[in-house]
Amino acid sequence: MGGYLRETGGIITVRSELGEPIHKVNNRALRLWKEYDDTVFKLPREKRGAWLQEHRAEVIQRLNADYFKPRFPAKKDGRVVEDLGDVTYEETVLRLVRLMSPLKTASSIYLCATSRETGCAVSKSVSPA
C-alpha cells in the first residue's frame, strides 16, 4: 500500500499551500515539490528564510531545471541570474519570448512592437533557442 508516503500507480502525494495532502501525477516537478515538502516546508516558518538563503543557488538551479516553468531571469547566452536587475530589457523580452513560444523548433520568431510615443513599429527576428 503506497498512499501518502510513496508513489503509487504513477501518483504522488504532496502538500497543498493549505497543508492538505493532494494527489498529482508523478513527474520531475512534483518530485521536486515533494522533496521540498519533506525538507524546507517541514521547518518552522521562522527558519525557512535562512534555509532558502543558505541553499539559494541550488534552489534556483533546481527550480529552473525541474519545475513547470523556469522561475529566474537569464542572460542572452542562457546563464541564469538571481535578480531581474541583472538583465537588460532586451534580455527580459527575449526570455519571455523563448518561454512563451510554441515554436520551439522554428528558426526564428518575429517580434513586432509599436511605440506609443512615436507610433513607430519595430520588428526583430529572434532565435527561440
N, C-alpha and C. Protein backbone atom coordinates (compact mmCIF):
# COMPACT_ATOMS: atom_id res chain seq x y z
N MET A 1 0.84 -1.19 0.00
CA MET A 1 0.00 0.00 0.00
C MET A 1 0.89 1.25 0.00
N GLY A 2 0.69 2.11 -0.98
CA GLY A 2 1.52 3.30 -1.09
C GLY A 2 0.93 4.48 -0.36
N GLY A 3 -0.19 4.96 -0.88
CA GLY A 3 -0.88 6.08 -0.24
C GLY A 3 -0.06 7.33 -0.17
N TYR A 4 0.00 7.92 1.01
CA TYR A 4 0.62 9.23 1.18
C TYR A 4 2.14 9.20 1.21
N LEU A 5 2.74 8.06 1.48
CA LEU A 5 4.17 8.02 1.73
C LEU A 5 5.04 7.86 0.50
N ARG A 6 4.56 7.16 -0.51
CA ARG A 6 5.37 6.95 -1.70
C ARG A 6 4.48 6.91 -2.93
N GLU A 7 5.12 6.96 -4.10
CA GLU A 7 4.37 6.92 -5.35
C GLU A 7 3.60 5.61 -5.45
N THR A 8 2.38 5.71 -5.93
CA THR A 8 1.55 4.54 -6.17
C THR A 8 0.85 4.71 -7.50
N GLY A 9 1.10 3.81 -8.43
CA GLY A 9 0.42 3.85 -9.71
C GLY A 9 0.65 5.14 -10.49
N GLY A 10 1.85 5.72 -10.36
CA GLY A 10 2.15 6.95 -11.08
C GLY A 10 1.61 8.21 -10.42
N ILE A 11 1.09 8.08 -9.21
CA ILE A 11 0.53 9.22 -8.47
C ILE A 11 1.40 9.47 -7.24
N ILE A 12 1.67 10.74 -6.97
CA ILE A 12 2.47 11.13 -5.81
C ILE A 12 1.64 12.10 -4.96
N THR A 13 1.81 12.03 -3.67
CA THR A 13 1.08 12.91 -2.75
C THR A 13 2.01 14.01 -2.27
N VAL A 14 1.56 15.25 -2.41
CA VAL A 14 2.29 16.42 -1.93
C VAL A 14 1.34 17.22 -1.04
N ARG A 15 1.88 18.23 -0.39
CA ARG A 15 1.05 19.09 0.46
C ARG A 15 0.69 20.35 -0.29
N SER A 16 -0.57 20.73 -0.19
CA SER A 16 -1.03 21.97 -0.81
C SER A 16 -0.55 23.15 0.02
N GLU A 17 -0.77 24.35 -0.49
CA GLU A 17 -0.40 25.56 0.24
C GLU A 17 -1.16 25.66 1.56
N LEU A 18 -2.28 24.96 1.65
CA LEU A 18 -3.09 24.97 2.87
C LEU A 18 -2.71 23.84 3.82
N GLY A 19 -1.68 23.05 3.42
CA GLY A 19 -1.21 21.98 4.28
C GLY A 19 -1.95 20.66 4.12
N GLU A 20 -2.85 20.58 3.17
CA GLU A 20 -3.62 19.36 2.95
C GLU A 20 -2.95 18.48 1.89
N PRO A 21 -3.03 17.16 2.04
CA PRO A 21 -2.44 16.29 1.02
C PRO A 21 -3.25 16.38 -0.28
N ILE A 22 -2.53 16.45 -1.40
CA ILE A 22 -3.17 16.41 -2.71
C ILE A 22 -2.41 15.40 -3.57
N HIS A 23 -3.11 14.76 -4.46
CA HIS A 23 -2.54 13.69 -5.27
C HIS A 23 -2.36 14.19 -6.69
N LYS A 24 -1.15 14.02 -7.21
CA LYS A 24 -0.80 14.53 -8.54
C LYS A 24 -0.07 13.45 -9.33
N VAL A 25 -0.08 13.60 -10.65
CA VAL A 25 0.67 12.69 -11.50
C VAL A 25 2.16 12.91 -11.22
N ASN A 26 2.88 11.81 -10.98
CA ASN A 26 4.29 11.88 -10.64
C ASN A 26 5.10 12.32 -11.85
N ASN A 27 5.86 13.40 -11.69
CA ASN A 27 6.77 13.87 -12.72
C ASN A 27 7.91 14.61 -12.02
N ARG A 28 8.86 15.09 -12.77
CA ARG A 28 10.03 15.76 -12.20
C ARG A 28 9.65 16.93 -11.31
N ALA A 29 8.69 17.73 -11.76
CA ALA A 29 8.28 18.90 -10.99
C ALA A 29 7.66 18.50 -9.66
N LEU A 30 6.83 17.48 -9.69
CA LEU A 30 6.18 17.05 -8.44
C LEU A 30 7.15 16.36 -7.51
N ARG A 31 8.16 15.68 -8.04
CA ARG A 31 9.18 15.09 -7.16
C ARG A 31 9.97 16.20 -6.46
N LEU A 32 10.23 17.30 -7.16
CA LEU A 32 10.89 18.44 -6.52
C LEU A 32 10.00 19.02 -5.44
N TRP A 33 8.72 19.21 -5.74
CA TRP A 33 7.76 19.72 -4.75
C TRP A 33 7.78 18.81 -3.52
N LYS A 34 7.73 17.49 -3.74
CA LYS A 34 7.73 16.53 -2.63
C LYS A 34 9.02 16.64 -1.82
N GLU A 35 10.16 16.78 -2.51
CA GLU A 35 11.43 16.91 -1.82
C GLU A 35 11.43 18.16 -0.92
N TYR A 36 10.91 19.27 -1.44
CA TYR A 36 10.85 20.49 -0.64
C TYR A 36 9.81 20.37 0.48
N ASP A 37 8.72 19.65 0.24
CA ASP A 37 7.77 19.37 1.33
C ASP A 37 8.48 18.66 2.49
N ASP A 38 9.34 17.69 2.13
CA ASP A 38 9.99 16.86 3.14
C ASP A 38 11.21 17.53 3.78
N THR A 39 11.64 18.66 3.22
CA THR A 39 12.81 19.34 3.79
C THR A 39 12.42 20.74 4.28
N VAL A 40 12.44 21.69 3.39
CA VAL A 40 12.27 23.10 3.79
C VAL A 40 10.88 23.40 4.35
N PHE A 41 9.83 22.85 3.77
CA PHE A 41 8.48 23.20 4.24
C PHE A 41 8.11 22.51 5.55
N LYS A 42 8.92 21.56 5.99
CA LYS A 42 8.71 20.96 7.31
C LYS A 42 9.36 21.79 8.41
N LEU A 43 10.24 22.70 8.01
CA LEU A 43 10.90 23.56 9.00
C LEU A 43 9.90 24.55 9.58
N PRO A 44 10.12 25.00 10.81
CA PRO A 44 9.29 26.08 11.33
C PRO A 44 9.41 27.30 10.41
N ARG A 45 8.34 28.03 10.24
CA ARG A 45 8.29 29.16 9.32
C ARG A 45 9.46 30.13 9.52
N GLU A 46 9.84 30.39 10.76
CA GLU A 46 10.90 31.36 11.02
C GLU A 46 12.28 30.86 10.57
N LYS A 47 12.44 29.56 10.30
CA LYS A 47 13.74 29.03 9.86
C LYS A 47 13.82 28.85 8.34
N ARG A 48 12.71 28.96 7.65
CA ARG A 48 12.70 28.73 6.20
C ARG A 48 13.53 29.76 5.44
N GLY A 49 13.44 31.01 5.83
CA GLY A 49 14.19 32.07 5.14
C GLY A 49 15.68 31.82 5.19
N ALA A 50 16.17 31.42 6.34
CA ALA A 50 17.61 31.14 6.48
C ALA A 50 18.00 29.94 5.63
N TRP A 51 17.16 28.91 5.60
CA TRP A 51 17.43 27.73 4.78
C TRP A 51 17.48 28.12 3.30
N LEU A 52 16.52 28.94 2.87
CA LEU A 52 16.48 29.36 1.47
C LEU A 52 17.70 30.20 1.11
N GLN A 53 18.13 31.09 2.00
CA GLN A 53 19.32 31.90 1.73
C GLN A 53 20.56 31.01 1.62
N GLU A 54 20.66 30.04 2.52
CA GLU A 54 21.80 29.13 2.52
C GLU A 54 21.85 28.26 1.27
N HIS A 55 20.70 27.88 0.75
CA HIS A 55 20.60 26.99 -0.41
C HIS A 55 20.13 27.71 -1.68
N ARG A 56 20.28 29.02 -1.70
CA ARG A 56 19.74 29.86 -2.79
C ARG A 56 20.15 29.39 -4.19
N ALA A 57 21.42 29.19 -4.43
CA ALA A 57 21.90 28.80 -5.76
C ALA A 57 21.32 27.45 -6.17
N GLU A 58 21.29 26.51 -5.23
CA GLU A 58 20.74 25.18 -5.53
C GLU A 58 19.24 25.26 -5.83
N VAL A 59 18.51 26.05 -5.06
CA VAL A 59 17.06 26.20 -5.28
C VAL A 59 16.80 26.80 -6.65
N ILE A 60 17.54 27.84 -7.02
CA ILE A 60 17.37 28.46 -8.33
C ILE A 60 17.64 27.46 -9.43
N GLN A 61 18.74 26.72 -9.31
CA GLN A 61 19.10 25.73 -10.32
C GLN A 61 18.02 24.66 -10.44
N ARG A 62 17.54 24.15 -9.31
CA ARG A 62 16.54 23.08 -9.32
C ARG A 62 15.19 23.56 -9.86
N LEU A 63 14.77 24.76 -9.46
CA LEU A 63 13.50 25.28 -9.98
C LEU A 63 13.56 25.45 -11.50
N ASN A 64 14.66 25.99 -12.00
CA ASN A 64 14.78 26.18 -13.44
C ASN A 64 14.89 24.86 -14.18
N ALA A 65 15.53 23.87 -13.58
CA ALA A 65 15.72 22.57 -14.25
C ALA A 65 14.51 21.66 -14.12
N ASP A 66 13.85 21.66 -12.97
CA ASP A 66 12.86 20.63 -12.68
C ASP A 66 11.43 21.11 -12.51
N TYR A 67 11.20 22.40 -12.36
CA TYR A 67 9.82 22.82 -12.11
C TYR A 67 9.10 23.11 -13.42
N PHE A 68 7.80 23.35 -13.35
CA PHE A 68 6.96 23.51 -14.54
C PHE A 68 7.46 24.62 -15.46
N LYS A 69 7.84 25.73 -14.87
CA LYS A 69 8.28 26.88 -15.64
C LYS A 69 9.57 27.41 -15.03
N PRO A 70 10.52 27.82 -15.87
CA PRO A 70 11.70 28.46 -15.30
C PRO A 70 11.28 29.70 -14.50
N ARG A 71 11.90 29.89 -13.38
CA ARG A 71 11.45 30.94 -12.46
C ARG A 71 12.36 32.14 -12.35
N PHE A 72 13.55 32.10 -12.97
CA PHE A 72 14.50 33.17 -12.79
C PHE A 72 14.96 33.72 -14.13
N PRO A 73 15.36 34.99 -14.16
CA PRO A 73 15.79 35.61 -15.41
C PRO A 73 17.09 35.00 -15.93
N ALA A 74 17.33 35.20 -17.23
CA ALA A 74 18.55 34.67 -17.84
C ALA A 74 19.14 35.70 -18.79
N LYS A 75 20.45 35.63 -18.93
CA LYS A 75 21.16 36.48 -19.88
C LYS A 75 20.95 35.93 -21.29
N LYS A 76 21.37 36.68 -22.30
CA LYS A 76 21.23 36.24 -23.69
C LYS A 76 21.88 34.89 -23.95
N ASP A 77 23.00 34.63 -23.28
CA ASP A 77 23.72 33.37 -23.50
C ASP A 77 23.11 32.20 -22.73
N GLY A 78 22.01 32.45 -22.01
CA GLY A 78 21.32 31.38 -21.29
C GLY A 78 21.70 31.25 -19.82
N ARG A 79 22.72 31.97 -19.38
CA ARG A 79 23.11 31.91 -17.96
C ARG A 79 21.98 32.45 -17.10
N VAL A 80 21.58 31.70 -16.11
CA VAL A 80 20.53 32.13 -15.19
C VAL A 80 21.14 33.06 -14.15
N VAL A 81 20.46 34.15 -13.86
CA VAL A 81 20.90 35.09 -12.84
C VAL A 81 19.84 35.14 -11.74
N GLU A 82 20.23 35.63 -10.59
CA GLU A 82 19.33 35.60 -9.44
C GLU A 82 18.33 36.74 -9.41
N ASP A 83 18.70 37.88 -9.95
CA ASP A 83 17.84 39.05 -9.83
C ASP A 83 17.50 39.64 -11.18
N LEU A 84 16.28 40.12 -11.32
CA LEU A 84 15.83 40.74 -12.56
C LEU A 84 16.68 41.94 -12.92
N GLY A 85 17.22 42.63 -11.93
CA GLY A 85 18.07 43.79 -12.18
C GLY A 85 19.37 43.45 -12.89
N ASP A 86 19.70 42.16 -12.96
CA ASP A 86 20.94 41.73 -13.62
C ASP A 86 20.77 41.54 -15.12
N VAL A 87 19.56 41.72 -15.65
CA VAL A 87 19.34 41.56 -17.09
C VAL A 87 18.81 42.86 -17.68
N THR A 88 19.04 43.03 -18.97
CA THR A 88 18.56 44.23 -19.66
C THR A 88 17.10 44.03 -20.05
N TYR A 89 16.46 45.10 -20.50
CA TYR A 89 15.10 44.99 -21.00
C TYR A 89 15.05 44.02 -22.18
N GLU A 90 16.03 44.12 -23.07
CA GLU A 90 16.07 43.24 -24.24
C GLU A 90 16.14 41.78 -23.81
N GLU A 91 17.01 41.46 -22.84
CA GLU A 91 17.14 40.08 -22.36
C GLU A 91 15.86 39.60 -21.70
N THR A 92 15.16 40.49 -21.02
CA THR A 92 13.88 40.14 -20.40
C THR A 92 12.85 39.78 -21.46
N VAL A 93 12.76 40.58 -22.50
CA VAL A 93 11.81 40.31 -23.58
C VAL A 93 12.18 39.03 -24.32
N LEU A 94 13.45 38.83 -24.60
CA LEU A 94 13.88 37.62 -25.29
C LEU A 94 13.57 36.37 -24.47
N ARG A 95 13.78 36.45 -23.16
CA ARG A 95 13.47 35.31 -22.28
C ARG A 95 11.97 35.04 -22.30
N LEU A 96 11.18 36.08 -22.24
CA LEU A 96 9.73 35.94 -22.29
C LEU A 96 9.30 35.27 -23.59
N VAL A 97 9.85 35.70 -24.69
CA VAL A 97 9.51 35.12 -25.99
C VAL A 97 9.92 33.65 -26.04
N ARG A 98 11.11 33.35 -25.57
CA ARG A 98 11.58 31.95 -25.59
C ARG A 98 10.68 31.05 -24.74
N LEU A 99 10.27 31.55 -23.58
CA LEU A 99 9.44 30.74 -22.68
C LEU A 99 8.01 30.59 -23.18
N MET A 100 7.51 31.57 -23.89
CA MET A 100 6.11 31.55 -24.32
C MET A 100 5.93 30.99 -25.72
N SER A 101 7.01 30.84 -26.46
CA SER A 101 6.90 30.45 -27.86
C SER A 101 6.49 28.99 -28.01
N PRO A 102 5.42 28.74 -28.76
CA PRO A 102 5.06 27.35 -29.07
C PRO A 102 5.93 26.82 -30.21
N LEU A 103 6.73 27.69 -30.81
CA LEU A 103 7.52 27.34 -31.98
C LEU A 103 8.95 27.01 -31.59
N LYS A 104 9.15 26.07 -30.69
CA LYS A 104 10.49 25.76 -30.19
C LYS A 104 11.42 25.28 -31.30
N THR A 105 10.87 24.72 -32.36
CA THR A 105 11.73 24.21 -33.43
C THR A 105 11.88 25.20 -34.58
N ALA A 106 11.17 26.30 -34.55
CA ALA A 106 11.26 27.28 -35.62
C ALA A 106 12.63 27.95 -35.60
N SER A 107 13.07 28.41 -36.77
CA SER A 107 14.39 29.03 -36.84
C SER A 107 14.37 30.44 -36.27
N SER A 108 13.23 31.10 -36.30
CA SER A 108 13.17 32.43 -35.72
C SER A 108 11.73 32.80 -35.40
N ILE A 109 11.60 33.80 -34.56
CA ILE A 109 10.30 34.35 -34.18
C ILE A 109 10.37 35.83 -34.48
N TYR A 110 9.32 36.39 -35.00
CA TYR A 110 9.33 37.82 -35.28
C TYR A 110 8.55 38.56 -34.20
N LEU A 111 9.22 39.52 -33.60
CA LEU A 111 8.60 40.37 -32.59
C LEU A 111 8.22 41.68 -33.25
N CYS A 112 7.03 42.13 -33.02
CA CYS A 112 6.63 43.43 -33.53
C CYS A 112 6.14 44.27 -32.36
N ALA A 113 6.60 45.48 -32.29
CA ALA A 113 6.17 46.37 -31.22
C ALA A 113 5.96 47.75 -31.81
N THR A 114 4.98 48.43 -31.30
CA THR A 114 4.73 49.80 -31.73
C THR A 114 4.88 50.72 -30.53
N SER A 115 5.66 51.75 -30.70
CA SER A 115 5.86 52.71 -29.63
C SER A 115 4.67 53.65 -29.54
N ARG A 116 4.14 53.84 -28.35
CA ARG A 116 3.02 54.77 -28.14
C ARG A 116 3.45 56.21 -28.44
N GLU A 117 4.67 56.53 -28.02
CA GLU A 117 5.14 57.90 -28.16
C GLU A 117 5.37 58.30 -29.61
N THR A 118 6.02 57.41 -30.38
CA THR A 118 6.41 57.78 -31.74
C THR A 118 5.51 57.18 -32.81
N GLY A 119 4.77 56.13 -32.46
CA GLY A 119 3.97 55.43 -33.45
C GLY A 119 4.81 54.58 -34.39
N CYS A 120 6.07 54.45 -34.07
CA CYS A 120 7.00 53.72 -34.93
C CYS A 120 6.93 52.22 -34.62
N ALA A 121 6.82 51.41 -35.65
CA ALA A 121 6.79 49.96 -35.47
C ALA A 121 8.19 49.40 -35.61
N VAL A 122 8.52 48.44 -34.76
CA VAL A 122 9.81 47.80 -34.78
C VAL A 122 9.60 46.31 -34.93
N SER A 123 10.37 45.66 -35.79
CA SER A 123 10.27 44.23 -35.97
C SER A 123 11.66 43.65 -35.80
N LYS A 124 11.76 42.54 -35.08
CA LYS A 124 13.07 41.93 -34.87
C LYS A 124 12.91 40.42 -34.89
N SER A 125 13.81 39.76 -35.56
CA SER A 125 13.83 38.31 -35.59
C SER A 125 14.71 37.82 -34.46
N VAL A 126 14.21 36.88 -33.68
CA VAL A 126 14.99 36.32 -32.59
C VAL A 126 14.96 34.81 -32.66
N SER A 127 15.99 34.18 -32.16
CA SER A 127 16.03 32.73 -32.14
C SER A 127 15.33 32.25 -30.88
N PRO A 128 14.45 31.24 -30.97
CA PRO A 128 13.74 30.75 -29.78
C PRO A 128 14.61 29.88 -28.90
N ALA A 129 15.75 29.45 -29.36
CA ALA A 129 16.60 28.52 -28.59
C ALA A 129 17.33 29.16 -27.49
